Amino acid sequence: MQTRHEIRIETMIFLYQQDLRGDVVVEPFKEGYDLYHAILSHLSEIDQMIKDTLVNYTLERLSFVDRAIIRLAVYELMYTDTPKPIVINEAIKLTKAYSNLEDEKQSAFTNRLLENISKRLG
């Protein structure tokens, strides 16, 4: 059985593949697949929330990895009961592991964006 963190990593990879290639390579019974499909079913609302919150930036300018991480986190903020600090902390962990080059700029950007979305959601 996978941990919640492992499921998030798997889901992030599925979202990345879908965004980059237009398809997803999935082995049967992957636990992140259900979460991935739930995110896809709400993708237009998730993307609109991100677009409405970004300042002087566009969704399309985000890297594929960052877009996947942020979409996953925004889904959790909007549609699950997971506490907001946990969602944001997990997104920062993923960003630091998979996106930060040699500085903390991307994790700081992701943190600010998700904090602002969290405030919008109340």
PDB file of N, CA and C in Angstrom:
ATOM      1  N   MET A   1       0.844  -1.189   0.000  1.00  0.00           N
ATOM      2  CA  MET A   1       0.000   0.000   0.000  1.00  0.00           C
ATOM      3  C   MET A   1       0.884   1.244   0.000  1.00  0.00           C
ATOM      4  N   GLN A   2       0.563   2.163  -0.868  1.00  0.00           N
ATOM      5  CA  GLN A   2       1.354   3.379  -0.997  1.00  0.00           C
ATOM      6  C   GLN A   2       0.951   4.408   0.065  1.00  0.00           C
ATOM      7  N   THR A   3       1.919   5.247   0.428  1.00  0.00           N
ATOM      8  CA  THR A   3       1.620   6.363   1.318  1.00  0.00           C
ATOM      9  C   THR A   3       0.922   7.452   0.517  1.00  0.00           C
ATOM     10  N   ARG A   4       0.331   8.388   1.202  1.00  0.00           N
ATOM     11  CA  ARG A   4      -0.324   9.517   0.537  1.00  0.00           C
ATOM     12  C   ARG A   4       0.701  10.309  -0.298  1.00  0.00           C
ATOM     13  N   HIS A   5       1.899  10.460   0.229  1.00  0.00           N
ATOM     14  CA  HIS A   5       2.962  11.167  -0.490  1.00  0.00           C
ATOM     15  C   HIS A   5       3.315  10.435  -1.789  1.00  0.00           C
ATOM     16  N   GLU A   6       3.421   9.120  -1.723  1.00  0.00           N
ATOM     17  CA  GLU A   6       3.743   8.329  -2.921  1.00  0.00           C
ATOM     18  C   GLU A   6       2.627   8.432  -3.967  1.00  0.00           C
ATOM     19  N   ILE A   7       1.387   8.472  -3.509  1.00  0.00           N
ATOM     20  CA  ILE A   7       0.256   8.626  -4.435  1.00  0.00           C
ATOM     21  C   ILE A   7       0.310   9.994  -5.103  1.00  0.00           C
ATOM     22  N   ARG A   8       0.698  11.012  -4.354  1.00  0.00           N
ATOM     23  CA  ARG A   8       0.830  12.349  -4.942  1.00  0.00           C
ATOM     24  C   ARG A   8       1.930  12.368  -6.008  1.00  0.00           C
ATOM     25  N   ILE A   9       3.044  11.727  -5.725  1.00  0.00           N
ATOM     26  CA  ILE A   9       4.136  11.664  -6.709  1.00  0.00           C
ATOM     27  C   ILE A   9       3.647  10.975  -7.984  1.00  0.00           C
ATOM     28  N   GLU A  10       2.990   9.849  -7.817  1.00  0.00           N
ATOM     29  CA  GLU A  10       2.478   9.097  -8.956  1.00  0.00           C
ATOM     30  C   GLU A  10       1.479   9.932  -9.764  1.00  0.00           C
ATOM     31  N   THR A  11       0.587  10.609  -9.072  1.00  0.00           N
ATOM     32  CA  THR A  11      -0.411  11.454  -9.737  1.00  0.00           C
ATOM     33  C   THR A  11       0.253  12.608 -10.470  1.00  0.00           C
ATOM     34  N   MET A  12       1.253  13.215  -9.843  1.00  0.00           N
ATOM     35  CA  MET A  12       1.997  14.296 -10.488  1.00  0.00           C
ATOM     36  C   MET A  12       2.614  13.793 -11.793  1.00  0.00           C
ATOM     37  N   ILE A  13       3.158  12.609 -11.784  1.00  0.00           N
ATOM     38  CA  ILE A  13       3.767  12.036 -12.988  1.00  0.00           C
ATOM     39  C   ILE A  13       2.706  11.818 -14.071  1.00  0.00           C
ATOM     40  N   PHE A  14       1.534  11.309 -13.680  1.00  0.00           N
ATOM     41  CA  PHE A  14       0.451  11.125 -14.658  1.00  0.00           C
ATOM     42  C   PHE A  14       0.035  12.457 -15.269  1.00  0.00           C
ATOM     43  N   LEU A  15      -0.118  13.484 -14.426  1.00  0.00           N
ATOM     44  CA  LEU A  15      -0.502  14.805 -14.919  1.00  0.00           C
ATOM     45  C   LEU A  15       0.564  15.376 -15.846  1.00  0.00           C
ATOM     46  N   TYR A  16       1.821  15.192 -15.487  1.00  0.00           N
ATOM     47  CA  TYR A  16       2.945  15.637 -16.316  1.00  0.00           C
ATOM     48  C   TYR A  16       2.896  14.952 -17.683  1.00  0.00           C
ATOM     49  N   GLN A  17       2.725  13.628 -17.688  1.00  0.00           N
ATOM     50  CA  GLN A  17       2.676  12.885 -18.949  1.00  0.00           C
ATOM     51  C   GLN A  17       1.517  13.349 -19.818  1.00  0.00           C
ATOM     52  N   GLN A  18       0.358  13.542 -19.210  1.00  0.00           N
ATOM     53  CA  GLN A  18      -0.818  13.970 -19.959  1.00  0.00           C
ATOM     54  C   GLN A  18      -0.589  15.337 -20.594  1.00  0.00           C
ATOM     55  N   ASP A  19      -0.023  16.245 -19.830  1.00  0.00           N
ATOM     56  CA  ASP A  19       0.213  17.607 -20.306  1.00  0.00           C
ATOM     57  C   ASP A  19       1.283  17.634 -21.394  1.00  0.00           C
ATOM     58  N   LEU A  20       2.339  16.874 -21.213  1.00  0.00           N
ATOM     59  CA  LEU A  20       3.464  16.876 -22.141  1.00  0.00           C
ATOM     60  C   LEU A  20       3.163  16.107 -23.422  1.00  0.00           C
ATOM     61  N   ARG A  21       2.614  14.909 -23.271  1.00  0.00           N
ATOM     62  CA  ARG A  21       2.461  14.017 -24.417  1.00  0.00           C
ATOM     63  C   ARG A  21       1.029  13.824 -24.884  1.00  0.00           C
ATOM     64  N   GLY A  22       0.077  14.156 -24.023  1.00  0.00           N
ATOM     65  CA  GLY A  22      -1.316  13.947 -24.383  1.00  0.00           C
ATOM     66  C   GLY A  22      -1.835  12.574 -24.035  1.00  0.00           C
ATOM     67  N   ASP A  23      -1.002  11.733 -23.453  1.00  0.00           N
ATOM     68  CA  ASP A  23      -1.456  10.415 -23.004  1.00  0.00           C
ATOM     69  C   ASP A  23      -0.702  10.037 -21.734  1.00  0.00           C
ATOM     70  N   VAL A  24      -1.145   8.957 -21.122  1.00  0.00           N
ATOM     71  CA  VAL A  24      -0.555   8.512 -19.867  1.00  0.00           C
ATOM     72  C   VAL A  24      -0.263   7.032 -19.965  1.00  0.00           C
ATOM     73  N   VAL A  25       0.930   6.660 -19.539  1.00  0.00           N
ATOM     74  CA  VAL A  25       1.291   5.252 -19.476  1.00  0.00           C
ATOM     75  C   VAL A  25       1.079   4.808 -18.030  1.00  0.00           C
ATOM     76  N   VAL A  26       0.111   3.918 -17.840  1.00  0.00           N
ATOM     77  CA  VAL A  26      -0.251   3.526 -16.480  1.00  0.00           C
ATOM     78  C   VAL A  26      -0.278   2.005 -16.377  1.00  0.00           C
ATOM     79  N   GLU A  27       0.373   1.510 -15.356  1.00  0.00           N
ATOM     80  CA  GLU A  27       0.261   0.094 -15.046  1.00  0.00           C
ATOM     81  C   GLU A  27      -1.059  -0.118 -14.324  1.00  0.00           C
ATOM     82  N   PRO A  28      -1.704  -1.257 -14.507  1.00  0.00           N
ATOM     83  CA  PRO A  28      -2.968  -1.507 -13.805  1.00  0.00           C
ATOM     84  C   PRO A  28      -2.798  -1.398 -12.291  1.00  0.00           C
ATOM     85  N   PHE A  29      -3.832  -0.935 -11.643  1.00  0.00           N
ATOM     86  CA  PHE A  29      -3.931  -0.882 -10.183  1.00  0.00           C
ATOM     87  C   PHE A  29      -3.014   0.150  -9.537  1.00  0.00           C
ATOM     88  N   LYS A  30      -2.581   1.135 -10.285  1.00  0.00           N
ATOM     89  CA  LYS A  30      -1.826   2.221  -9.677  1.00  0.00           C
ATOM     90  C   LYS A  30      -2.787   3.058  -8.841  1.00  0.00           C
ATOM     91  N   GLU A  31      -2.412   3.359  -7.619  1.00  0.00           N
ATOM     92  CA  GLU A  31      -3.312   4.067  -6.702  1.00  0.00           C
ATOM     93  C   GLU A  31      -3.535   5.524  -7.102  1.00  0.00           C
ATOM     94  N   GLY A  32      -2.572   6.132  -7.757  1.00  0.00           N
ATOM     95  CA  GLY A  32      -2.716   7.522  -8.150  1.00  0.00           C
ATOM     96  C   GLY A  32      -3.640   7.732  -9.336  1.00  0.00           C
ATOM     97  N   TYR A  33      -4.035   6.651 -10.007  1.00  0.00           N
ATOM     98  CA  TYR A  33      -4.848   6.773 -11.208  1.00  0.00           C
ATOM     99  C   TYR A  33      -6.228   7.356 -10.904  1.00  0.00           C
ATOM    100  N   ASP A  34      -6.845   6.965  -9.787  1.00  0.00           N
ATOM    101  CA  ASP A  34      -8.160   7.509  -9.427  1.00  0.00           C
ATOM    102  C   ASP A  34      -8.063   9.001  -9.134  1.00  0.00           C
ATOM    103  N   LEU A  35      -7.033   9.400  -8.408  1.00  0.00           N
ATOM    104  CA  LEU A  35      -6.834  10.815  -8.118  1.00  0.00           C
ATOM    105  C   LEU A  35      -6.591  11.585  -9.414  1.00  0.00           C
ATOM    106  N   TYR A  36      -5.788  11.020 -10.293  1.00  0.00           N
ATOM    107  CA  TYR A  36      -5.514  11.633 -11.597  1.00  0.00           C
ATOM    108  C   TYR A  36      -6.821  11.878 -12.366  1.00  0.00           C
ATOM    109  N   HIS A  37      -7.693  10.871 -12.415  1.00  0.00           N
ATOM    110  CA  HIS A  37      -8.958  11.029 -13.131  1.00  0.00           C
ATOM    111  C   HIS A  37      -9.874  12.049 -12.458  1.00  0.00           C
ATOM    112  N   ALA A  38      -9.847  12.102 -11.148  1.00  0.00           N
ATOM    113  CA  ALA A  38     -10.642  13.107 -10.429  1.00  0.00           C
ATOM    114  C   ALA A  38     -10.161  14.512 -10.790  1.00  0.00           C
ATOM    115  N   ILE A  39      -8.859  14.686 -10.874  1.00  0.00           N
ATOM    116  CA  ILE A  39      -8.301  15.989 -11.248  1.00  0.00           C
ATOM    117  C   ILE A  39      -8.705  16.347 -12.672  1.00  0.00           C
ATOM    118  N   LEU A  40      -8.592  15.401 -13.595  1.00  0.00           N
ATOM    119  CA  LEU A  40      -8.979  15.674 -14.987  1.00  0.00           C
ATOM    120  C   LEU A  40     -10.442  16.071 -15.096  1.00  0.00           C
ATOM    121  N   SER A  41     -11.306  15.477 -14.259  1.00  0.00           N
ATOM    122  CA  SER A  41     -12.731  15.797 -14.339  1.00  0.00           C
ATOM    123  C   SER A  41     -13.023  17.225 -13.872  1.00  0.00           C
ATOM    124  N   HIS A  42     -12.093  17.834 -13.140  1.00  0.00           N
ATOM    125  CA  HIS A  42     -12.259  19.207 -12.653  1.00  0.00           C
ATOM    126  C   HIS A  42     -11.192  20.147 -13.225  1.00  0.00           C
ATOM    127  N   LEU A  43     -10.516  19.728 -14.279  1.00  0.00           N
ATOM    128  CA  LEU A  43      -9.353  20.480 -14.764  1.00  0.00           C
ATOM    129  C   LEU A  43      -9.695  21.906 -15.180  1.00  0.00           C
ATOM    130  N   SER A  44     -10.833  22.116 -15.815  1.00  0.00           N
ATOM    131  CA  SER A  44     -11.153  23.482 -16.253  1.00  0.00           C
ATOM    132  C   SER A  44     -11.348  24.410 -15.055  1.00  0.00           C
ATOM    133  N   GLU A  45     -11.989  23.924 -13.986  1.00  0.00           N
ATOM    134  CA  GLU A  45     -12.171  24.741 -12.781  1.00  0.00           C
ATOM    135  C   GLU A  45     -10.836  24.979 -12.073  1.00  0.00           C
ATOM    136  N   ILE A  46     -10.012  23.951 -12.024  1.00  0.00           N
ATOM    137  CA  ILE A  46      -8.689  24.062 -11.391  1.00  0.00           C
ATOM    138  C   ILE A  46      -7.847  25.084 -12.146  1.00  0.00           C
ATOM    139  N   ASP A  47      -7.786  24.944 -13.465  1.00  0.00           N
ATOM    140  CA  ASP A  47      -6.987  25.872 -14.275  1.00  0.00           C
ATOM    141  C   ASP A  47      -7.513  27.302 -14.161  1.00  0.00           C
ATOM    142  N   GLN A  48      -8.837  27.461 -14.105  1.00  0.00           N
ATOM    143  CA  GLN A  48      -9.397  28.809 -13.983  1.00  0.00           C
ATOM    144  C   GLN A  48      -8.999  29.432 -12.653  1.00  0.00           C
ATOM    145  N   MET A  49      -9.009  28.652 -11.572  1.00  0.00           N
ATOM    146  CA  MET A  49      -8.596  29.165 -10.261  1.00  0.00           C
ATOM    147  C   MET A  49      -7.131  29.600 -10.311  1.00  0.00           C
ATOM    148  N   ILE A  50      -6.294  28.806 -10.953  1.00  0.00           N
ATOM    149  CA  ILE A  50      -4.875  29.155 -11.065  1.00  0.00           C
ATOM    150  C   ILE A  50      -4.722  30.440 -11.879  1.00  0.00           C
ATOM    151  N   LYS A  51      -5.384  30.506 -13.027  1.00  0.00           N
ATOM    152  CA  LYS A  51      -5.290  31.690 -13.888  1.00  0.00           C
ATOM    153  C   LYS A  51      -5.774  32.944 -13.170  1.00  0.00           C
ATOM    154  N   ASP A  52      -6.862  32.813 -12.415  1.00  0.00           N
ATOM    155  CA  ASP A  52      -7.419  33.966 -11.706  1.00  0.00           C
ATOM    156  C   ASP A  52      -6.508  34.450 -10.579  1.00  0.00           C
ATOM    157  N   THR A  53      -5.627  33.587 -10.108  1.00  0.00           N
ATOM    158  CA  THR A  53      -4.774  33.928  -8.974  1.00  0.00           C
ATOM    159  C   THR A  53      -3.380  34.377  -9.399  1.00  0.00           C
ATOM    160  N   LEU A  54      -2.921  33.931 -10.540  1.00  0.00           N
ATOM    161  CA  LEU A  54      -1.602  34.337 -11.024  1.00  0.00           C
ATOM    162  C   LEU A  54      -1.566  35.840 -11.302  1.00  0.00           C
ATOM    163  N   VAL A  55      -0.463  36.469 -10.971  1.00  0.00           N
ATOM    164  CA  VAL A  55      -0.277  37.902 -11.226  1.00  0.00           C
ATOM    165  C   VAL A  55       0.936  38.064 -12.143  1.00  0.00           C
ATOM    166  N   ASN A  56       0.723  38.735 -13.269  1.00  0.00           N
ATOM    167  CA  ASN A  56       1.802  38.961 -14.244  1.00  0.00           C
ATOM    168  C   ASN A  56       2.468  37.655 -14.682  1.00  0.00           C
ATOM    169  N   TYR A  57       1.661  36.604 -14.807  1.00  0.00           N
ATOM    170  CA  TYR A  57       2.175  35.298 -15.186  1.00  0.00           C
ATOM    171  C   TYR A  57       1.018  34.522 -15.796  1.00  0.00           C
ATOM    172  N   THR A  58       1.325  33.552 -16.644  1.00  0.00           N
ATOM    173  CA  THR A  58       0.258  32.738 -17.222  1.00  0.00           C
ATOM    174  C   THR A  58       0.476  31.272 -16.885  1.00  0.00           C
ATOM    175  N   LEU A  59      -0.583  30.527 -16.923  1.00  0.00           N
ATOM    176  CA  LEU A  59      -0.515  29.084 -16.669  1.00  0.00           C
ATOM    177  C   LEU A  59       0.417  28.408 -17.668  1.00  0.00           C
ATOM    178  N   GLU A  60       0.387  28.889 -18.892  1.00  0.00           N
ATOM    179  CA  GLU A  60       1.195  28.289 -19.953  1.00  0.00           C
ATOM    180  C   GLU A  60       2.693  28.503 -19.752  1.00  0.00           C
ATOM    181  N   ARG A  61       3.063  29.539 -19.004  1.00  0.00           N
ATOM    182  CA  ARG A  61       4.489  29.796 -18.744  1.00  0.00           C
ATOM    183  C   ARG A  61       5.078  28.852 -17.709  1.00  0.00           C
ATOM    184  N   LEU A  62       4.230  28.233 -16.906  1.00  0.00           N
ATOM    185  CA  LEU A  62       4.729  27.275 -15.915  1.00  0.00           C
ATOM    186  C   LEU A  62       5.314  26.066 -16.632  1.00  0.00           C
ATOM    187  N   SER A  63       6.347  25.497 -16.067  1.00  0.00           N
ATOM    188  CA  SER A  63       6.895  24.267 -16.650  1.00  0.00           C
ATOM    189  C   SER A  63       5.868  23.147 -16.504  1.00  0.00           C
ATOM    190  N   PHE A  64       6.023  22.103 -17.272  1.00  0.00           N
ATOM    191  CA  PHE A  64       5.107  20.969 -17.195  1.00  0.00           C
ATOM    192  C   PHE A  64       5.074  20.378 -15.782  1.00  0.00           C
ATOM    193  N   VAL A  65       6.237  20.273 -15.156  1.00  0.00           N
ATOM    194  CA  VAL A  65       6.316  19.706 -13.806  1.00  0.00           C
ATOM    195  C   VAL A  65       5.606  20.620 -12.811  1.00  0.00           C
ATOM    196  N   ASP A  66       5.888  21.896 -12.867  1.00  0.00           N
ATOM    197  CA  ASP A  66       5.252  22.831 -11.937  1.00  0.00           C
ATOM    198  C   ASP A  66       3.744  22.869 -12.131  1.00  0.00           C
ATOM    199  N   ARG A  67       3.311  22.844 -13.377  1.00  0.00           N
ATOM    200  CA  ARG A  67       1.874  22.844 -13.655  1.00  0.00           C
ATOM    201  C   ARG A  67       1.216  21.599 -13.057  1.00  0.00           C
ATOM    202  N   ALA A  68       1.870  20.458 -13.168  1.00  0.00           N
ATOM    203  CA  ALA A  68       1.325  19.216 -12.603  1.00  0.00           C
ATOM    204  C   ALA A  68       1.223  19.305 -11.078  1.00  0.00           C
ATOM    205  N   ILE A  69       2.270  19.793 -10.439  1.00  0.00           N
ATOM    206  CA  ILE A  69       2.286  19.916  -8.974  1.00  0.00           C
ATOM    207  C   ILE A  69       1.200  20.882  -8.516  1.00  0.00           C
ATOM    208  N   ILE A  70       1.094  22.012  -9.165  1.00  0.00           N
ATOM    209  CA  ILE A  70       0.125  23.029  -8.761  1.00  0.00           C
ATOM    210  C   ILE A  70      -1.302  22.552  -9.017  1.00  0.00           C
ATOM    211  N   ARG A  71      -1.538  21.896 -10.134  1.00  0.00           N
ATOM    212  CA  ARG A  71      -2.882  21.365 -10.403  1.00  0.00           C
ATOM    213  C   ARG A  71      -3.288  20.348  -9.343  1.00  0.00           C
ATOM    214  N   LEU A  72      -2.367  19.475  -8.987  1.00  0.00           N
ATOM    215  CA  LEU A  72      -2.638  18.480  -7.938  1.00  0.00           C
ATOM    216  C   LEU A  72      -3.001  19.168  -6.634  1.00  0.00           C
ATOM    217  N   ALA A  73      -2.210  20.154  -6.238  1.00  0.00           N
ATOM    218  CA  ALA A  73      -2.455  20.855  -4.976  1.00  0.00           C
ATOM    219  C   ALA A  73      -3.771  21.628  -5.013  1.00  0.00           C
ATOM    220  N   VAL A  74      -4.050  22.294  -6.120  1.00  0.00           N
ATOM    221  CA  VAL A  74      -5.288  23.067  -6.210  1.00  0.00           C
ATOM    222  C   VAL A  74      -6.496  22.137  -6.158  1.00  0.00           C
ATOM    223  N   TYR A  75      -6.405  20.981  -6.796  1.00  0.00           N
ATOM    224  CA  TYR A  75      -7.492  20.005  -6.682  1.00  0.00           C
ATOM    225  C   TYR A  75      -7.724  19.658  -5.212  1.00  0.00           C
ATOM    226  N   GLU A  76      -6.651  19.360  -4.502  1.00  0.00           N
ATOM    227  CA  GLU A  76      -6.805  18.994  -3.092  1.00  0.00           C
ATOM    228  C   GLU A  76      -7.374  20.151  -2.269  1.00  0.00           C
ATOM    229  N   LEU A  77      -6.951  21.368  -2.562  1.00  0.00           N
ATOM    230  CA  LEU A  77      -7.479  22.526  -1.836  1.00  0.00           C
ATOM    231  C   LEU A  77      -8.971  22.722  -2.116  1.00  0.00           C
ATOM    232  N   MET A  78      -9.378  22.497  -3.361  1.00  0.00           N
ATOM    233  CA  MET A  78     -10.756  22.772  -3.756  1.00  0.00           C
ATOM    234  C   MET A  78     -11.720  21.627  -3.455  1.00  0.00           C
ATOM    235  N   TYR A  79     -11.257  20.384  -3.541  1.00  0.00           N
ATOM    236  CA  TYR A  79     -12.198  19.264  -3.563  1.00  0.00           C
ATOM    237  C   TYR A  79     -11.965  18.189  -2.503  1.00  0.00           C
ATOM    238  N   THR A  80     -11.023  18.388  -1.606  1.00  0.00           N
ATOM    239  CA  THR A  80     -10.822  17.387  -0.555  1.00  0.00           C
ATOM    240  C   THR A  80     -10.852  18.063   0.815  1.00  0.00           C
ATOM    241  N   ASP A  81     -10.898  17.248   1.831  1.00  0.00           N
ATOM    242  CA  ASP A  81     -10.891  17.746   3.211  1.00  0.00           C
ATOM    243  C   ASP A  81      -9.484  17.778   3.804  1.00  0.00           C
ATOM    244  N   THR A  82      -8.478  17.500   2.980  1.00  0.00           N
ATOM    245  CA  THR A  82      -7.109  17.532   3.478  1.00  0.00           C
ATOM    246  C   THR A  82      -6.805  18.944   3.972  1.00  0.00           C
ATOM    247  N   PRO A  83      -6.269  19.077   5.178  1.00  0.00           N
ATOM    248  CA  PRO A  83      -5.968  20.415   5.693  1.00  0.00           C
ATOM    249  C   PRO A  83      -5.060  21.195   4.736  1.00  0.00           C
ATOM    250  N   LYS A  84      -5.390  22.461   4.561  1.00  0.00           N
ATOM    251  CA  LYS A  84      -4.668  23.309   3.601  1.00  0.00           C
ATOM    252  C   LYS A  84      -3.160  23.359   3.854  1.00  0.00           C
ATOM    253  N   PRO A  85      -2.715  23.479   5.123  1.00  0.00           N
ATOM    254  CA  PRO A  85      -1.257  23.496   5.338  1.00  0.00           C
ATOM    255  C   PRO A  85      -0.560  22.211   4.875  1.00  0.00           C
ATOM    256  N   ILE A  86      -1.243  21.083   5.004  1.00  0.00           N
ATOM    257  CA  ILE A  86      -0.656  19.817   4.552  1.00  0.00           C
ATOM    258  C   ILE A  86      -0.556  19.799   3.033  1.00  0.00           C
ATOM    259  N   VAL A  87      -1.604  20.235   2.356  1.00  0.00           N
ATOM    260  CA  VAL A  87      -1.595  20.277   0.884  1.00  0.00           C
ATOM    261  C   VAL A  87      -0.451  21.158   0.390  1.00  0.00           C
ATOM    262  N   ILE A  88      -0.342  22.341   0.963  1.00  0.00           N
ATOM    263  CA  ILE A  88       0.695  23.282   0.531  1.00  0.00           C
ATOM    264  C   ILE A  88       2.082  22.739   0.844  1.00  0.00           C
ATOM    265  N   ASN A  89       2.260  22.173   2.032  1.00  0.00           N
ATOM    266  CA  ASN A  89       3.550  21.595   2.406  1.00  0.00           C
ATOM    267  C   ASN A  89       3.952  20.458   1.459  1.00  0.00           C
ATOM    268  N   GLU A  90       3.010  19.613   1.110  1.00  0.00           N
ATOM    269  CA  GLU A  90       3.301  18.515   0.178  1.00  0.00           C
ATOM    270  C   GLU A  90       3.688  19.052  -1.202  1.00  0.00           C
ATOM    271  N   ALA A  91       3.008  20.088  -1.658  1.00  0.00           N
ATOM    272  CA  ALA A  91       3.343  20.682  -2.960  1.00  0.00           C
ATOM    273  C   ALA A  91       4.746  21.280  -2.935  1.00  0.00           C
ATOM    274  N   ILE A  92       5.116  21.886  -1.827  1.00  0.00           N
ATOM    275  CA  ILE A  92       6.464  22.457  -1.698  1.00  0.00           C
ATOM    276  C   ILE A  92       7.505  21.337  -1.707  1.00  0.00           C
ATOM    277  N   LYS A  93       7.220  20.246  -1.016  1.00  0.00           N
ATOM    278  CA  LYS A  93       8.143  19.088  -1.028  1.00  0.00           C
ATOM    279  C   LYS A  93       8.342  18.567  -2.442  1.00  0.00           C
ATOM    280  N   LEU A  94       7.243  18.426  -3.182  1.00  0.00           N
ATOM    281  CA  LEU A  94       7.340  17.943  -4.567  1.00  0.00           C
ATOM    282  C   LEU A  94       8.128  18.923  -5.428  1.00  0.00           C
ATOM    283  N   THR A  95       7.874  20.205  -5.233  1.00  0.00           N
ATOM    284  CA  THR A  95       8.599  21.222  -6.005  1.00  0.00           C
ATOM    285  C   THR A  95      10.086  21.167  -5.713  1.00  0.00           C
ATOM    286  N   LYS A  96      10.445  21.055  -4.445  1.00  0.00           N
ATOM    287  CA  LYS A  96      11.861  20.994  -4.083  1.00  0.00           C
ATOM    288  C   LYS A  96      12.516  19.735  -4.651  1.00  0.00           C
ATOM    289  N   ALA A  97      11.784  18.645  -4.699  1.00  0.00           N
ATOM    290  CA  ALA A  97      12.347  17.382  -5.188  1.00  0.00           C
ATOM    291  C   ALA A  97      12.413  17.302  -6.710  1.00  0.00           C
ATOM    292  N   TYR A  98      11.425  17.907  -7.397  1.00  0.00           N
ATOM    293  CA  TYR A  98      11.320  17.687  -8.841  1.00  0.00           C
ATOM    294  C   TYR A  98      11.470  18.931  -9.699  1.00  0.00           C
ATOM    295  N   SER A  99      11.474  20.125  -9.101  1.00  0.00           N
ATOM    296  CA  SER A  99      11.448  21.317  -9.935  1.00  0.00           C
ATOM    297  C   SER A  99      12.539  22.341  -9.630  1.00  0.00           C
ATOM    298  N   ASN A 100      12.827  22.593  -8.380  1.00  0.00           N
ATOM    299  CA  ASN A 100      13.848  23.600  -8.050  1.00  0.00           C
ATOM    300  C   ASN A 100      15.157  23.245  -8.741  1.00  0.00           C
ATOM    301  N   LEU A 101      15.752  24.211  -9.398  1.00  0.00           N
ATOM    302  CA  LEU A 101      17.021  23.930 -10.055  1.00  0.00           C
ATOM    303  C   LEU A 101      18.138  23.975  -9.028  1.00  0.00           C
ATOM    304  N   GLU A 102      18.596  25.117  -8.659  1.00  0.00           N
ATOM    305  CA  GLU A 102      19.620  25.205  -7.621  1.00  0.00           C
ATOM    306  C   GLU A 102      19.304  26.321  -6.653  1.00  0.00           C
ATOM    307  N   ASP A 103      18.066  26.749  -6.679  1.00  0.00           N
ATOM    308  CA  ASP A 103      17.653  27.796  -5.757  1.00  0.00           C
ATOM    309  C   ASP A 103      16.260  27.453  -5.240  1.00  0.00           C
ATOM    310  N   GLU A 104      15.716  28.311  -4.454  1.00  0.00           N
ATOM    311  CA  GLU A 104      14.408  28.068  -3.862  1.00  0.00           C
ATOM    312  C   GLU A 104      13.326  28.918  -4.529  1.00  0.00           C
ATOM    313  N   LYS A 105      13.632  29.501  -5.689  1.00  0.00           N
ATOM    314  CA  LYS A 105      12.682  30.417  -6.304  1.00  0.00           C
ATOM    315  C   LYS A 105      11.367  29.743  -6.685  1.00  0.00           C
ATOM    316  N   GLN A 106      11.436  28.553  -7.257  1.00  0.00           N
ATOM    317  CA  GLN A 106      10.197  27.908  -7.689  1.00  0.00           C
ATOM    318  C   GLN A 106       9.361  27.473  -6.497  1.00  0.00           C
ATOM    319  N   SER A 107       9.988  26.958  -5.458  1.00  0.00           N
ATOM    320  CA  SER A 107       9.195  26.558  -4.289  1.00  0.00           C
ATOM    321  C   SER A 107       8.570  27.779  -3.624  1.00  0.00           C
ATOM    322  N   ALA A 108       9.263  28.919  -3.619  1.00  0.00           N
ATOM    323  CA  ALA A 108       8.700  30.153  -3.070  1.00  0.00           C
ATOM    324  C   ALA A 108       7.516  30.617  -3.924  1.00  0.00           C
ATOM    325  N   PHE A 109       7.651  30.532  -5.247  1.00  0.00           N
ATOM    326  CA  PHE A 109       6.567  30.900  -6.166  1.00  0.00           C
ATOM    327  C   PHE A 109       5.346  30.013  -5.931  1.00  0.00           C
ATOM    328  N   THR A 110       5.565  28.709  -5.878  1.00  0.00           N
ATOM    329  CA  THR A 110       4.478  27.757  -5.659  1.00  0.00           C
ATOM    330  C   THR A 110       3.806  28.005  -4.314  1.00  0.00           C
ATOM    331  N   ASN A 111       4.600  28.250  -3.295  1.00  0.00           N
ATOM    332  CA  ASN A 111       4.064  28.512  -1.967  1.00  0.00           C
ATOM    333  C   ASN A 111       3.159  29.751  -1.986  1.00  0.00           C
ATOM    334  N   ARG A 112       3.639  30.843  -2.576  1.00  0.00           N
ATOM    335  CA  ARG A 112       2.842  32.083  -2.647  1.00  0.00           C
ATOM    336  C   ARG A 112       1.534  31.857  -3.411  1.00  0.00           C
ATOM    337  N   LEU A 113       1.628  31.196  -4.544  1.00  0.00           N
ATOM    338  CA  LEU A 113       0.451  30.946  -5.363  1.00  0.00           C
ATOM    339  C   LEU A 113      -0.579  30.115  -4.597  1.00  0.00           C
ATOM    340  N   LEU A 114      -0.133  29.032  -3.973  1.00  0.00           N
ATOM    341  CA  LEU A 114      -1.069  28.169  -3.254  1.00  0.00           C
ATOM    342  C   LEU A 114      -1.635  28.846  -2.010  1.00  0.00           C
ATOM    343  N   GLU A 115      -0.829  29.659  -1.340  1.00  0.00           N
ATOM    344  CA  GLU A 115      -1.337  30.426  -0.189  1.00  0.00           C
ATOM    345  C   GLU A 115      -2.439  31.375  -0.650  1.00  0.00           C
ATOM    346  N   ASN A 116      -2.235  32.044  -1.783  1.00  0.00           N
ATOM    347  CA  ASN A 116      -3.237  32.966  -2.311  1.00  0.00           C
ATOM    348  C   ASN A 116      -4.508  32.235  -2.733  1.00  0.00           C
ATOM    349  N   ILE A 117      -4.361  31.061  -3.341  1.00  0.00           N
ATOM    350  CA  ILE A 117      -5.532  30.263  -3.717  1.00  0.00           C
ATOM    351  C   ILE A 117      -6.255  29.807  -2.462  1.00  0.00           C
ATOM    352  N   SER A 118      -5.511  29.381  -1.461  1.00  0.00           N
ATOM    353  CA  SER A 118      -6.105  28.955  -0.189  1.00  0.00           C
ATOM    354  C   SER A 118      -6.931  30.085   0.432  1.00  0.00           C
ATOM    355  N   LYS A 119      -6.405  31.295   0.398  1.00  0.00           N
ATOM    356  CA  LYS A 119      -7.138  32.461   0.936  1.00  0.00           C
ATOM    357  C   LYS A 119      -8.404  32.734   0.129  1.00  0.00           C
ATOM    358  N   ARG A 120      -8.322  32.596  -1.189  1.00  0.00           N
ATOM    359  CA  ARG A 120      -9.501  32.801  -2.031  1.00  0.00           C
ATOM    360  C   ARG A 120     -10.617  31.808  -1.703  1.00  0.00           C
ATOM    361  N   LEU A 121     -10.204  30.597  -1.362  1.00  0.00           N
ATOM    362  CA  LEU A 121     -11.176  29.549  -1.076  1.00  0.00           C
ATOM    363  C   LEU A 121     -11.769  29.674   0.322  1.00  0.00           C
ATOM    364  N   GLY A 122     -11.109  30.489   1.143  1.00  0.00           N
ATOM    365  CA  GLY A 122     -11.610  30.733   2.508  1.00  0.00           C
ATOM    366  C   GLY A 122     -11.179  29.765   3.480  1.00  0.00           C
TER     367      GLY A 122
END
